[in-house]
C-alpha cells in the first residue's frame, strides 16, 4: 500500500480524486474513475475493504454477523469484493485504517482539503495519531448510508435497568445467553438479529412499529420490462400507481403466506401479530426472510407491536391500540366496551351491507378482526368484511383491553441508521442543521448543487435499484463522465428546483412517512444515470430505429434483457456514446450464463 504524502500536498497535472470509503460504493467509484484516467486515492477507516460485508468486532462499525444463512453468504460477498479489487488492480491507491475527520474547501477556493487520522500502530503512543491533510481536486463521498445510528426516544428508556444497544454494536448472540431479549424494528437487520439469538437467549421478542410485509427472497420478479413499464406509468400517475403497487404487493405477500402455510402445517398467521396493513412500500420495503413466519408460528420469536414506553424491567407495547376497524351498533354496544358514543363521528349498524358505504375519514380502528368480548354478535360477523386499508384515528382502548407488559433483560434497537454529514464542512454539507430543506440538496441524488464539478455524495438517497452493486456501478460511471466534461449540468437554480420537485414527488408516494434514506423516481434516476454514463441503453432498448434493429437481430437476447434476470451487465453491453464508459466484451456471455442458458443464436 502506497504512503499518503505528508501534510498539505499539491496536486499534480492529473486530476486527483479522493474517494472516501471502500465498501461496495467506494470500490465501484475507484474502478470507474481510474478507468477514465483520474488519479485516485481511497481513504477507508477500517483495516479491510468491503465495508459492512466483512465481519469485524468494532462496536462502532456496522458489519454483518458471523453467520448469514441465505445465499450468497456475507463471506462470499466480501471475497467477491476482494477479488474485484485485485482483478482491476485497484489496491495501489488504497489507504486503510485512515479515518476522515473533515472535508472542506481550501482557502483558495479551487481545491478540497481532506483531514484524516491513521490508525495508531500497536505499541505506539496516543499522541502519534495526529491529524494530516490531503489536497484534492475532487471528492467522491462513499462513506455509506448507515454512518449514524438512529435511536428512538422512548418514554422511560432512561430508567431501564437492563442492557440496551443498537444493532451496530451487536456482534453475535453469545453475550446474551439465558437473557430475555427484545429486538425493536422488523426490517432485515432486526429479523436477522432476532433469528441469530434463537437457541442462545432464553426468549426473543421482535417489535414492529406500524406493521410490515414479510416476503421470500427472489431475483426474477422485478424484470426490466416491469421496472420500465411501472416507472413510465408511475411518472404519469404517481399517487394512483403507489396505491396499486401497495395493493399488488399486499396480494403477493398474502399469497406467500398461504403458500408457506400449505407447505408447512406448523406455520400460521395470527391477526394479533398485526403485520397487515403495512405502511406504504416506498417508505417501508418488505422484510426479506423465508424463516421469520415459521419462527413467529412456533414461538421461537414472539412478535410484539409498537413499544409505547419502557419500564425498569421491560416494555409496554400497544396491544390495546386500534388498528383494525370497529363499528359499534349504538349506545348499548358502546357501553359494553366502555367507550362513549361521542368518540365517533359516525356510528353505523355493523352489517356487511353497510360497511362499504362507510367514509374512511369517519371510521375508527381497534386491533384485530376478532370481536372484543362483550360486543354484539352482529359486530363479530361484520368484522371480517372490513376494508384492509384505513386511516387510523386516535381512540382510547376499550375497558379490559390493557396494553401488554413484557419483562426483558436486553433491548436491541434495529431502528436503522442515517448518512453521517458531520465531516462535511460549510456548503459541502448538502443537509446542514440550519437548512430550510428537510432533505439533502443533491442533484439527481448524487451531485452537490454547490460544487457539482468536484463533489459527489452517494448515500443520502436511495438508488434506483434494491441491489447495491447496480446502484454503485452505474452512479460511478455517470459521475466519471460528468467530471470528464462529457455531460453538461444545469445551473444551480435549476438544480435547486429539481431537488424541490423530487422531494414533493417522494412525499406523495410515501404519504409523508419517511425512511432513513431520501428517495426519488427510480425509473427517471436510472434513465438519467444511464444517459450520463453513455451506456446506449436508451437507444438500443427503446422504440426508436436502433431499438427495432437490436430486437430484430437479437430477439432472444432482447427477451432475456427485458423479461428475465435484470443483471448489471446490460450497462456494459452496448457501445454507447463516444467517449462514454467502456464497453465490456464479455457482457453478453455473462447475461446468457446468469440466465442459465447456453449462448446460442440470439435470433
Foldseek 3Di string as FASTA:
>chain_A
DDDDDFAEDDDDPAAEEEEEAQALQSLLLLLQLVLLPHHYAYEEQAQAHHAQLDADQDLLGHHDEPFDPDPPTSVVSRVVSVVSCVVSVRCVRYDYNKAWQAWDADPVRQKIKTKIWGHDPPPDDPVVRDIHIYIGRFYEYDRAFFNFDDDDDFAAPVLAQFAEEANSNDHAQQVQAQFEEEEEDDAQSSLVRQVRNQPGYPAYEYEYEFAAFEAADDQFDCAQQNLQVLLVVCVVPVLVSQVVVLVVVVVVRVVVLVVLCVVDVLFDDDQQLVNPPGAGCLAGPHHHDPCSRNCCSVRSYPYFYDFRHAHRFFTWGVQQWFDAWFAAQDPQQCVQQVHDPVLFPDHDHLALVCQVVDDLVGTAGGGGLADDPRGDPSRNVRSVNHDRDGDHDGDGGTPPRGTDTDGTNYYYYPQGGGDDQNRYDDLSFQDDPPDPDPAGLAFLQWARLVCRLHYTYPHQEDALDPDPNLRSNLQSLLSSLVNVVNDDDDHSVVSNVRVVVQQVSSCSSRVNNHHRHHYGSSNVSSVVSLVSQFQCCCVCCHPDPNVVVNCVQQVQLNCLNGRGRPDSLSSQDDCGDVSGGHHDPCSSVVSCVVRPHHDDRRD
